Amino acid sequence: MNRAERIREIIEDALAPEALEITDDSHQHAGHAGAQPGGETHYTLTVVSPQFEGQSRVMRQRSIYALLTKEFELGLHALSIRALTPGE
């Protein structure tokens, strides 16, 4: 299972999103800090979940970072997050 698949599984299990988009942007960061030859280090994540209702943007992002702690320990370097409620 690659990193994007693991991220998808973690987010789906925890947040039951209505929409989830994961993009591997690693190729755009070749030669930059944290980049690895095999990629899978830089991602963009868009999550639409009713569980974000009543949460600030910062709280939403913190919850996602907490869910992905192990992935960061395993080499995930950067994550751009859009965390939205279904009404947003």
N, C-alpha and C. Protein backbone atom coordinates (compact mmCIF):
# COMPACT_ATOMS: atom_id res chain seq x y z
N MET A 1 0.86 -1.17 0.00
CA MET A 1 0.00 0.00 0.00
C MET A 1 0.91 1.24 0.00
N ASN A 2 0.65 2.18 -0.92
CA ASN A 2 1.47 3.39 -0.95
C ASN A 2 0.94 4.43 0.04
N ARG A 3 1.65 5.53 0.18
CA ARG A 3 1.30 6.54 1.18
C ARG A 3 -0.08 7.15 0.91
N ALA A 4 -0.41 7.46 -0.33
CA ALA A 4 -1.71 8.04 -0.64
C ALA A 4 -2.84 7.09 -0.23
N GLU A 5 -2.65 5.81 -0.44
CA GLU A 5 -3.66 4.82 -0.05
C GLU A 5 -3.79 4.76 1.47
N ARG A 6 -2.66 4.84 2.17
CA ARG A 6 -2.71 4.83 3.64
C ARG A 6 -3.41 6.09 4.16
N ILE A 7 -3.08 7.23 3.57
CA ILE A 7 -3.73 8.48 3.98
C ILE A 7 -5.23 8.38 3.75
N ARG A 8 -5.63 7.89 2.59
CA ARG A 8 -7.06 7.74 2.28
C ARG A 8 -7.75 6.86 3.33
N GLU A 9 -7.15 5.74 3.65
CA GLU A 9 -7.74 4.82 4.62
C GLU A 9 -7.89 5.48 5.99
N ILE A 10 -6.86 6.17 6.44
CA ILE A 10 -6.88 6.83 7.75
C ILE A 10 -7.97 7.90 7.80
N ILE A 11 -8.02 8.74 6.77
CA ILE A 11 -9.00 9.83 6.74
C ILE A 11 -10.42 9.29 6.62
N GLU A 12 -10.62 8.31 5.77
CA GLU A 12 -11.97 7.74 5.61
C GLU A 12 -12.45 7.09 6.90
N ASP A 13 -11.58 6.37 7.58
CA ASP A 13 -11.96 5.71 8.84
C ASP A 13 -12.30 6.72 9.93
N ALA A 14 -11.54 7.80 10.01
CA ALA A 14 -11.71 8.75 11.11
C ALA A 14 -12.76 9.82 10.84
N LEU A 15 -12.88 10.27 9.59
CA LEU A 15 -13.72 11.44 9.32
C LEU A 15 -14.94 11.17 8.44
N ALA A 16 -15.07 9.97 7.91
CA ALA A 16 -16.20 9.62 7.03
C ALA A 16 -16.50 10.77 6.07
N PRO A 17 -15.53 11.15 5.25
CA PRO A 17 -15.72 12.32 4.40
C PRO A 17 -16.74 12.09 3.29
N GLU A 18 -17.41 13.19 2.91
CA GLU A 18 -18.31 13.15 1.75
C GLU A 18 -17.49 13.25 0.47
N ALA A 19 -16.34 13.89 0.57
CA ALA A 19 -15.43 14.00 -0.57
C ALA A 19 -14.00 13.99 -0.03
N LEU A 20 -13.12 13.37 -0.79
CA LEU A 20 -11.72 13.29 -0.39
C LEU A 20 -10.86 13.26 -1.64
N GLU A 21 -9.94 14.20 -1.72
CA GLU A 21 -9.01 14.24 -2.86
C GLU A 21 -7.59 14.31 -2.32
N ILE A 22 -6.74 13.43 -2.79
CA ILE A 22 -5.35 13.36 -2.37
C ILE A 22 -4.48 13.46 -3.61
N THR A 23 -3.59 14.44 -3.63
CA THR A 23 -2.71 14.64 -4.77
C THR A 23 -1.27 14.58 -4.31
N ASP A 24 -0.48 13.74 -4.96
CA ASP A 24 0.95 13.64 -4.67
C ASP A 24 1.67 14.73 -5.48
N ASP A 25 2.17 15.74 -4.79
CA ASP A 25 2.87 16.86 -5.42
C ASP A 25 4.38 16.71 -5.35
N SER A 26 4.87 15.55 -4.97
CA SER A 26 6.29 15.36 -4.70
C SER A 26 7.17 15.74 -5.89
N HIS A 27 6.71 15.46 -7.10
CA HIS A 27 7.52 15.76 -8.29
C HIS A 27 7.80 17.27 -8.42
N GLN A 28 6.94 18.09 -7.86
CA GLN A 28 7.13 19.55 -7.92
C GLN A 28 8.18 20.04 -6.91
N HIS A 29 8.60 19.16 -6.02
CA HIS A 29 9.52 19.55 -4.95
C HIS A 29 10.86 18.82 -5.04
N ALA A 30 11.15 18.22 -6.15
CA ALA A 30 12.42 17.52 -6.33
C ALA A 30 13.58 18.47 -6.04
N GLY A 31 14.49 18.03 -5.21
CA GLY A 31 15.64 18.85 -4.85
C GLY A 31 15.39 19.77 -3.66
N HIS A 32 14.16 19.87 -3.20
CA HIS A 32 13.84 20.72 -2.05
C HIS A 32 13.98 19.92 -0.75
N ALA A 33 13.91 20.61 0.35
CA ALA A 33 13.99 19.98 1.66
C ALA A 33 12.91 18.92 1.81
N GLY A 34 13.28 17.78 2.31
CA GLY A 34 12.34 16.71 2.58
C GLY A 34 12.00 15.83 1.39
N ALA A 35 12.40 16.25 0.20
CA ALA A 35 12.09 15.44 -1.00
C ALA A 35 12.93 14.17 -0.99
N GLN A 36 12.32 13.08 -1.42
CA GLN A 36 13.00 11.80 -1.49
C GLN A 36 12.96 11.31 -2.94
N PRO A 37 13.94 10.53 -3.37
CA PRO A 37 13.95 10.04 -4.75
C PRO A 37 12.68 9.29 -5.15
N GLY A 38 12.08 8.57 -4.25
CA GLY A 38 10.87 7.81 -4.57
C GLY A 38 9.59 8.60 -4.49
N GLY A 39 9.69 9.88 -4.12
CA GLY A 39 8.48 10.70 -3.99
C GLY A 39 7.73 10.40 -2.72
N GLU A 40 6.42 10.58 -2.75
CA GLU A 40 5.52 10.34 -1.61
C GLU A 40 5.89 11.17 -0.39
N THR A 41 6.33 12.41 -0.60
CA THR A 41 6.73 13.27 0.51
C THR A 41 5.90 14.54 0.63
N HIS A 42 5.30 15.00 -0.46
CA HIS A 42 4.56 16.25 -0.49
C HIS A 42 3.17 16.00 -1.09
N TYR A 43 2.12 16.35 -0.33
CA TYR A 43 0.76 16.08 -0.77
C TYR A 43 -0.15 17.28 -0.58
N THR A 44 -1.19 17.33 -1.39
CA THR A 44 -2.31 18.25 -1.20
C THR A 44 -3.52 17.40 -0.86
N LEU A 45 -4.24 17.81 0.17
CA LEU A 45 -5.37 17.04 0.67
C LEU A 45 -6.59 17.95 0.76
N THR A 46 -7.69 17.53 0.15
CA THR A 46 -8.97 18.23 0.30
C THR A 46 -9.95 17.24 0.91
N VAL A 47 -10.51 17.63 2.06
CA VAL A 47 -11.44 16.76 2.80
C VAL A 47 -12.72 17.55 3.06
N VAL A 48 -13.85 16.96 2.71
CA VAL A 48 -15.16 17.54 3.02
C VAL A 48 -15.85 16.58 3.97
N SER A 49 -16.07 17.04 5.21
CA SER A 49 -16.64 16.16 6.22
C SER A 49 -17.58 16.93 7.15
N PRO A 50 -18.72 16.35 7.48
CA PRO A 50 -19.61 17.00 8.44
C PRO A 50 -18.99 17.09 9.84
N GLN A 51 -17.97 16.29 10.10
CA GLN A 51 -17.32 16.33 11.41
C GLN A 51 -16.57 17.65 11.65
N PHE A 52 -16.37 18.45 10.60
CA PHE A 52 -15.71 19.73 10.76
C PHE A 52 -16.66 20.85 11.19
N GLU A 53 -17.95 20.57 11.24
CA GLU A 53 -18.93 21.58 11.65
C GLU A 53 -18.55 22.14 13.02
N GLY A 54 -18.54 23.47 13.12
CA GLY A 54 -18.25 24.13 14.39
C GLY A 54 -16.78 24.23 14.73
N GLN A 55 -15.91 23.71 13.88
CA GLN A 55 -14.47 23.77 14.13
C GLN A 55 -13.83 24.89 13.30
N SER A 56 -12.84 25.53 13.89
CA SER A 56 -12.08 26.54 13.16
C SER A 56 -11.19 25.84 12.13
N ARG A 57 -10.67 26.62 11.20
CA ARG A 57 -9.76 26.08 10.19
C ARG A 57 -8.54 25.45 10.87
N VAL A 58 -8.04 26.09 11.91
CA VAL A 58 -6.86 25.57 12.62
C VAL A 58 -7.19 24.24 13.30
N MET A 59 -8.34 24.15 13.94
CA MET A 59 -8.72 22.88 14.59
C MET A 59 -8.87 21.75 13.58
N ARG A 60 -9.42 22.05 12.43
CA ARG A 60 -9.57 21.04 11.38
C ARG A 60 -8.20 20.53 10.94
N GLN A 61 -7.30 21.46 10.69
CA GLN A 61 -5.96 21.06 10.24
C GLN A 61 -5.22 20.29 11.32
N ARG A 62 -5.34 20.72 12.56
CA ARG A 62 -4.68 19.99 13.65
C ARG A 62 -5.19 18.57 13.76
N SER A 63 -6.49 18.39 13.58
CA SER A 63 -7.04 17.03 13.69
C SER A 63 -6.49 16.14 12.57
N ILE A 64 -6.33 16.69 11.38
CA ILE A 64 -5.78 15.91 10.27
C ILE A 64 -4.31 15.59 10.52
N TYR A 65 -3.54 16.59 10.97
CA TYR A 65 -2.13 16.33 11.28
C TYR A 65 -2.01 15.25 12.36
N ALA A 66 -2.87 15.29 13.36
CA ALA A 66 -2.82 14.28 14.43
C ALA A 66 -3.11 12.88 13.86
N LEU A 67 -4.07 12.79 12.95
CA LEU A 67 -4.39 11.50 12.34
C LEU A 67 -3.21 10.95 11.55
N LEU A 68 -2.40 11.84 10.98
CA LEU A 68 -1.32 11.43 10.10
C LEU A 68 0.06 11.47 10.75
N THR A 69 0.11 11.50 12.07
CA THR A 69 1.38 11.56 12.80
C THR A 69 2.34 10.46 12.34
N LYS A 70 1.85 9.25 12.23
CA LYS A 70 2.73 8.14 11.84
C LYS A 70 3.28 8.34 10.43
N GLU A 71 2.47 8.87 9.52
CA GLU A 71 2.95 9.12 8.16
C GLU A 71 4.07 10.15 8.16
N PHE A 72 3.97 11.17 9.00
CA PHE A 72 5.05 12.15 9.11
C PHE A 72 6.31 11.48 9.67
N GLU A 73 6.15 10.58 10.60
CA GLU A 73 7.30 9.86 11.15
C GLU A 73 7.94 8.97 10.09
N LEU A 74 7.15 8.52 9.11
CA LEU A 74 7.63 7.62 8.07
C LEU A 74 8.11 8.36 6.81
N GLY A 75 8.15 9.69 6.84
CA GLY A 75 8.72 10.42 5.71
C GLY A 75 7.83 11.41 5.01
N LEU A 76 6.56 11.50 5.39
CA LEU A 76 5.72 12.56 4.84
C LEU A 76 6.30 13.88 5.30
N HIS A 77 6.60 14.76 4.36
CA HIS A 77 7.31 16.00 4.71
C HIS A 77 6.38 17.21 4.73
N ALA A 78 5.48 17.31 3.76
CA ALA A 78 4.63 18.50 3.67
C ALA A 78 3.23 18.11 3.24
N LEU A 79 2.25 18.81 3.83
CA LEU A 79 0.86 18.52 3.54
C LEU A 79 0.09 19.83 3.46
N SER A 80 -0.48 20.12 2.31
CA SER A 80 -1.34 21.27 2.13
C SER A 80 -2.78 20.77 2.32
N ILE A 81 -3.52 21.42 3.21
CA ILE A 81 -4.84 20.92 3.60
C ILE A 81 -5.94 21.94 3.31
N ARG A 82 -7.02 21.45 2.68
CA ARG A 82 -8.29 22.16 2.59
C ARG A 82 -9.29 21.27 3.31
N ALA A 83 -9.77 21.70 4.45
CA ALA A 83 -10.71 20.93 5.25
C ALA A 83 -12.02 21.72 5.32
N LEU A 84 -13.07 21.18 4.73
CA LEU A 84 -14.32 21.89 4.58
C LEU A 84 -15.49 21.11 5.12
N THR A 85 -16.57 21.82 5.49
CA THR A 85 -17.83 21.17 5.82
C THR A 85 -18.60 21.00 4.51
N PRO A 86 -19.62 20.15 4.49
CA PRO A 86 -20.39 19.97 3.27
C PRO A 86 -21.02 21.26 2.74
N GLY A 87 -21.34 22.19 3.62
CA GLY A 87 -21.96 23.44 3.21
C GLY A 87 -20.98 24.50 2.71
N GLU A 88 -19.71 24.24 2.79
CA GLU A 88 -18.73 25.24 2.41
C GLU A 88 -18.30 25.11 0.95
